[in-house]
Amino acid sequence: MITDPLFYVVAIPAVVLIGLSKGGFGGTGALVGVPLMAIAVDPVTAAGVLLPILVVMDVIGLYAWRGRFDRGVVLTMLPAAALGVLAGYLTASSVSEDAIRAMIGLLALWFLANWLLGQRQARAARPQQPLKGAFWGAAAGFASFVSHAGGPPFQVYVVPLRIAPQVFAGTSVIFFAAVNAMKLIPYFLLGQFSHENLATSAALLPIAPVATLAGVWLVRRTDTGLFYRIIYWLLLPIGLKLVYDGVTALL
């Protein structure tokens, strides 16, 4: 088990934020999990520690939001996400995690900028677009495999649809629960479930249900307009953090 106190200083807030996201509140908490933990350990170790915790959170989220999801989004994005996960596994040894982190951060900031400039007409729901949904589904699967950073690609397609907050939460939970399940075998084959990683996951696991249920509670008590404003604004610090970490590591 990891014993460095600094790791737990950053890991505990990371798990709390991820749990809120997994409960449906914001949808971007998983983005900051790996970057926060990477302050104390390498990103590969951080991703390996987080995945078992994410799976437990997914089970809680699936129960909490059972029956509330957008079937069209799931059917459009999930098959493509499987291809993204496969691409992540096949290129795991050659893709720079720092480059992916920077690109995901830029995407998050671009999405926020579009909203601020009024180009997305936030109050007008967009119709389903299967080709676009498949593209962003594949991007979400790939980014999720590399560093659990599939939130922004998922939101780029789903947020403009303006589905109800609870349906958004349930759809997000189903999508990422399926993606995380797809990642289990590839992560095992890549050696990311070491004894040390699993022991560390077990130490952090008690935080998972509390944080996830807190996210469920918040979504059920937040009005639609405020819900979407929170989602958009969460992208600012996350995007800046990802771009900074990625660019500084590449320079």
Protein backbone atom coordinates (compact mmCIF):
# COMPACT_ATOMS: atom_id res chain seq x y z
CA MET A 1 0.00 0.00 0.00
CA ILE A 2 1.19 3.54 -0.73
CA THR A 3 2.27 5.10 2.57
CA ASP A 4 3.34 8.60 1.52
CA PRO A 5 1.16 11.08 3.52
CA LEU A 6 1.20 13.55 0.59
CA PHE A 7 -0.55 10.97 -1.55
CA TYR A 8 -3.51 10.79 0.82
CA VAL A 9 -3.63 14.59 1.17
CA VAL A 10 -4.42 14.77 -2.56
CA ALA A 11 -6.10 11.37 -3.02
CA ILE A 12 -8.90 11.85 -0.47
CA PRO A 13 -10.20 15.11 -2.07
CA ALA A 14 -9.84 13.46 -5.48
CA VAL A 15 -12.03 10.52 -4.45
CA VAL A 16 -14.61 12.88 -2.94
CA LEU A 17 -14.83 14.91 -6.17
CA ILE A 18 -15.05 11.75 -8.25
CA GLY A 19 -17.80 10.41 -6.00
CA LEU A 20 -19.85 13.60 -6.41
CA SER A 21 -19.40 13.25 -10.16
CA LYS A 22 -20.37 9.59 -10.13
CA GLY A 23 -23.52 10.49 -8.24
CA GLY A 24 -24.38 12.68 -11.22
CA PHE A 25 -23.38 16.08 -9.88
CA GLY A 26 -21.20 17.78 -12.48
CA GLY A 27 -19.93 14.81 -14.43
CA THR A 28 -16.33 16.05 -14.50
CA GLY A 29 -14.99 14.97 -11.13
CA ALA A 30 -13.16 11.97 -12.57
CA LEU A 31 -11.12 14.38 -14.69
CA VAL A 32 -9.30 15.77 -11.68
CA GLY A 33 -8.70 12.43 -9.99
CA VAL A 34 -5.59 11.39 -11.90
CA PRO A 35 -4.06 14.91 -12.05
CA LEU A 36 -4.52 15.38 -8.30
CA MET A 37 -3.02 12.00 -7.45
CA ALA A 38 -0.22 12.58 -9.97
CA ILE A 39 1.11 15.26 -7.62
CA ALA A 40 2.34 12.40 -5.41
CA VAL A 41 2.58 9.36 -7.73
CA ASP A 42 2.96 8.75 -11.46
CA PRO A 43 -0.22 8.98 -13.59
CA VAL A 44 -0.20 5.27 -14.47
CA THR A 45 -0.23 4.29 -10.78
CA ALA A 46 -2.95 6.87 -10.10
CA ALA A 47 -5.14 5.43 -12.85
CA GLY A 48 -4.63 1.89 -11.57
CA VAL A 49 -5.56 2.88 -8.01
CA LEU A 50 -8.66 4.73 -9.13
CA LEU A 51 -10.29 2.16 -11.41
CA PRO A 52 -11.50 -0.28 -8.68
CA ILE A 53 -12.89 2.71 -6.75
CA LEU A 54 -14.66 3.95 -9.88
CA VAL A 55 -16.27 0.55 -10.40
CA VAL A 56 -17.67 0.53 -6.85
CA MET A 57 -19.00 4.06 -7.37
CA ASP A 58 -20.58 2.95 -10.65
CA VAL A 59 -22.53 0.19 -8.90
CA ILE A 60 -23.92 2.69 -6.38
CA GLY A 61 -24.74 5.18 -9.13
CA LEU A 62 -26.48 2.55 -11.26
CA TYR A 63 -28.73 1.65 -8.34
CA ALA A 64 -29.48 5.27 -7.46
CA TRP A 65 -30.36 6.29 -11.03
CA ARG A 66 -31.90 3.02 -12.23
CA GLY A 67 -34.42 3.53 -15.02
CA ARG A 68 -33.43 7.16 -15.65
CA PHE A 69 -31.36 7.51 -18.80
CA ASP A 70 -31.52 8.62 -22.41
CA ARG A 71 -31.60 5.47 -24.54
CA GLY A 72 -30.60 7.33 -27.71
CA VAL A 73 -27.42 8.71 -26.14
CA VAL A 74 -26.40 5.32 -24.76
CA LEU A 75 -27.04 3.47 -28.03
CA THR A 76 -25.21 6.13 -30.03
CA MET A 77 -22.14 6.64 -27.86
CA LEU A 78 -21.45 3.35 -26.10
CA PRO A 79 -20.50 1.12 -29.09
CA ALA A 80 -18.11 3.82 -30.27
CA ALA A 81 -16.70 4.13 -26.74
CA ALA A 82 -15.77 0.44 -26.89
CA LEU A 83 -13.65 1.19 -29.96
CA GLY A 84 -12.05 4.08 -28.08
CA VAL A 85 -11.15 1.80 -25.16
CA LEU A 86 -9.66 -0.73 -27.58
CA ALA A 87 -7.62 2.01 -29.25
CA GLY A 88 -6.38 3.14 -25.84
CA TYR A 89 -5.24 -0.39 -24.99
CA LEU A 90 -3.52 -0.96 -28.34
CA THR A 91 -1.65 2.34 -28.15
CA ALA A 92 -0.99 2.35 -24.39
CA SER A 93 2.76 2.04 -24.81
CA SER A 94 3.11 4.76 -27.44
CA VAL A 95 0.63 7.51 -26.53
CA SER A 96 1.89 10.35 -24.34
CA GLU A 97 -0.43 10.77 -21.37
CA ASP A 98 0.71 14.37 -21.06
CA ALA A 99 -0.31 15.15 -24.64
CA ILE A 100 -3.72 13.55 -24.09
CA ARG A 101 -4.15 15.48 -20.85
CA ALA A 102 -3.36 18.77 -22.60
CA MET A 103 -5.75 18.02 -25.47
CA ILE A 104 -8.59 17.12 -23.10
CA GLY A 105 -7.96 20.30 -21.14
CA LEU A 106 -8.09 22.41 -24.31
CA LEU A 107 -11.34 20.70 -25.29
CA ALA A 108 -12.87 21.53 -21.91
CA LEU A 109 -11.85 25.18 -22.21
CA TRP A 110 -13.12 25.39 -25.80
CA PHE A 111 -16.47 24.02 -24.71
CA LEU A 112 -16.74 26.58 -21.91
CA ALA A 113 -15.70 29.44 -24.22
CA ASN A 114 -18.37 28.48 -26.74
CA TRP A 115 -20.99 28.57 -24.02
CA LEU A 116 -19.82 31.96 -22.73
CA LEU A 117 -19.90 33.44 -26.23
CA GLY A 118 -23.47 32.24 -26.69
CA GLN A 119 -22.65 30.11 -29.72
CA ARG A 120 -24.40 27.05 -28.36
CA GLN A 121 -27.74 28.66 -27.48
CA ALA A 122 -27.78 26.95 -24.11
CA ARG A 123 -31.55 27.10 -23.70
CA ALA A 124 -32.38 25.48 -27.04
CA ALA A 125 -32.08 21.69 -27.01
CA ARG A 126 -30.24 20.14 -29.93
CA PRO A 127 -31.51 16.96 -31.62
CA GLN A 128 -29.62 13.68 -31.54
CA GLN A 129 -26.84 13.47 -34.17
CA PRO A 130 -25.66 9.83 -34.42
CA LEU A 131 -22.41 10.45 -36.29
CA LYS A 132 -21.36 13.23 -33.96
CA GLY A 133 -22.41 11.14 -30.97
CA ALA A 134 -20.33 8.20 -32.19
CA PHE A 135 -17.28 10.43 -32.66
CA TRP A 136 -17.48 11.90 -29.17
CA GLY A 137 -18.28 8.47 -27.73
CA ALA A 138 -15.05 7.08 -29.18
CA ALA A 139 -13.14 10.12 -27.89
CA ALA A 140 -14.64 9.64 -24.42
CA GLY A 141 -13.71 5.94 -24.40
CA PHE A 142 -10.13 6.64 -25.43
CA ALA A 143 -9.64 9.53 -23.00
CA SER A 144 -11.22 7.51 -20.20
CA PHE A 145 -8.83 4.62 -20.82
CA VAL A 146 -5.76 6.84 -20.83
CA SER A 147 -6.47 8.89 -17.71
CA HIS A 148 -10.16 8.55 -16.70
CA ALA A 149 -10.72 11.85 -18.55
CA GLY A 150 -13.76 11.00 -20.64
CA GLY A 151 -15.99 13.67 -19.10
CA PRO A 152 -15.48 16.58 -21.54
CA PRO A 153 -15.95 14.53 -24.75
CA PHE A 154 -19.12 13.04 -23.25
CA GLN A 155 -20.39 16.49 -22.29
CA VAL A 156 -19.58 18.05 -25.68
CA TYR A 157 -22.25 15.83 -27.20
CA VAL A 158 -24.74 15.39 -24.34
CA VAL A 159 -24.97 18.81 -22.65
CA PRO A 160 -26.35 20.63 -25.75
CA LEU A 161 -29.18 18.05 -25.86
CA ARG A 162 -30.53 19.74 -22.71
CA ILE A 163 -31.93 16.58 -21.18
CA ALA A 164 -33.31 16.77 -17.65
CA PRO A 165 -30.66 16.77 -14.89
CA GLN A 166 -31.69 13.42 -13.43
CA VAL A 167 -31.76 11.83 -16.89
CA PHE A 168 -28.37 13.38 -17.63
CA ALA A 169 -27.02 11.93 -14.37
CA GLY A 170 -28.42 8.46 -15.09
CA THR A 171 -27.13 8.51 -18.67
CA SER A 172 -23.66 9.55 -17.51
CA VAL A 173 -23.61 6.81 -14.88
CA ILE A 174 -24.61 4.08 -17.34
CA PHE A 175 -22.14 5.25 -19.98
CA PHE A 176 -19.11 5.42 -17.70
CA ALA A 177 -20.05 2.29 -15.75
CA ALA A 178 -19.95 0.38 -19.02
CA VAL A 179 -16.70 2.06 -20.10
CA ASN A 180 -15.03 1.31 -16.76
CA ALA A 181 -16.11 -2.32 -16.96
CA MET A 182 -14.52 -2.52 -20.43
CA LYS A 183 -11.26 -1.21 -18.98
CA LEU A 184 -10.86 -3.89 -16.29
CA ILE A 185 -9.29 -6.62 -18.43
CA PRO A 186 -6.96 -4.29 -20.38
CA TYR A 187 -5.78 -2.68 -17.13
CA PHE A 188 -5.11 -6.14 -15.69
CA LEU A 189 -3.15 -7.16 -18.80
CA LEU A 190 -1.09 -3.96 -18.52
CA GLY A 191 -0.18 -4.81 -14.91
CA GLN A 192 -1.99 -1.90 -13.27
CA PHE A 193 -3.65 -4.02 -10.59
CA SER A 194 -0.55 -4.66 -8.51
CA HIS A 195 -0.83 -5.66 -4.85
CA GLU A 196 0.25 -2.16 -3.79
CA ASN A 197 -2.32 -0.47 -6.03
CA LEU A 198 -5.18 -2.71 -4.90
CA ALA A 199 -4.29 -2.24 -1.22
CA THR A 200 -4.29 1.52 -1.72
CA SER A 201 -7.65 1.32 -3.50
CA ALA A 202 -9.06 -0.62 -0.54
CA ALA A 203 -7.82 2.05 1.90
CA LEU A 204 -9.62 4.80 -0.05
CA LEU A 205 -12.75 2.76 -0.77
CA PRO A 206 -14.82 3.74 2.32
CA ILE A 207 -15.02 7.31 0.97
CA ALA A 208 -16.62 6.14 -2.28
CA PRO A 209 -20.23 5.39 -1.24
CA VAL A 210 -20.56 8.53 0.92
CA ALA A 211 -19.33 10.85 -1.83
CA THR A 212 -21.39 9.14 -4.53
CA LEU A 213 -24.63 9.32 -2.54
CA ALA A 214 -23.87 12.98 -1.77
CA GLY A 215 -23.73 13.59 -5.52
CA VAL A 216 -27.11 11.88 -5.98
CA TRP A 217 -28.60 14.03 -3.21
CA LEU A 218 -27.30 17.26 -4.78
CA VAL A 219 -28.63 16.48 -8.26
CA ARG A 220 -32.10 15.76 -6.93
CA ARG A 221 -32.19 19.15 -5.20
CA THR A 222 -30.66 21.39 -7.86
CA ASP A 223 -32.74 23.21 -10.49
CA THR A 224 -32.01 22.64 -14.18
CA GLY A 225 -30.46 26.04 -14.93
CA LEU A 226 -28.12 25.96 -11.94
CA PHE A 227 -27.20 22.34 -12.71
CA TYR A 228 -25.96 23.17 -16.19
CA ARG A 229 -24.16 26.32 -15.08
CA ILE A 230 -22.26 24.26 -12.52
CA ILE A 231 -21.30 21.72 -15.19
CA TYR A 232 -19.98 24.42 -17.51
CA TRP A 233 -18.03 26.30 -14.84
CA LEU A 234 -16.45 23.12 -13.48
CA LEU A 235 -14.72 22.86 -16.83
CA LEU A 236 -12.68 26.03 -16.20
CA PRO A 237 -10.41 24.92 -13.34
CA ILE A 238 -10.27 21.37 -14.68
CA GLY A 239 -9.35 22.49 -18.19
CA LEU A 240 -6.68 24.89 -16.94
CA LYS A 241 -5.21 22.22 -14.67
CA LEU A 242 -5.04 19.63 -17.45
CA VAL A 243 -3.50 22.04 -19.97
CA TYR A 244 -0.92 23.27 -17.47
CA ASP A 245 0.10 19.77 -16.40
CA GLY A 246 0.24 18.45 -19.94
CA VAL A 247 2.13 21.37 -21.50
CA THR A 248 4.66 21.76 -18.69
CA ALA A 249 5.45 18.03 -18.79
CA LEU A 250 5.94 18.11 -22.57
CA LEU A 251 8.25 21.16 -22.55
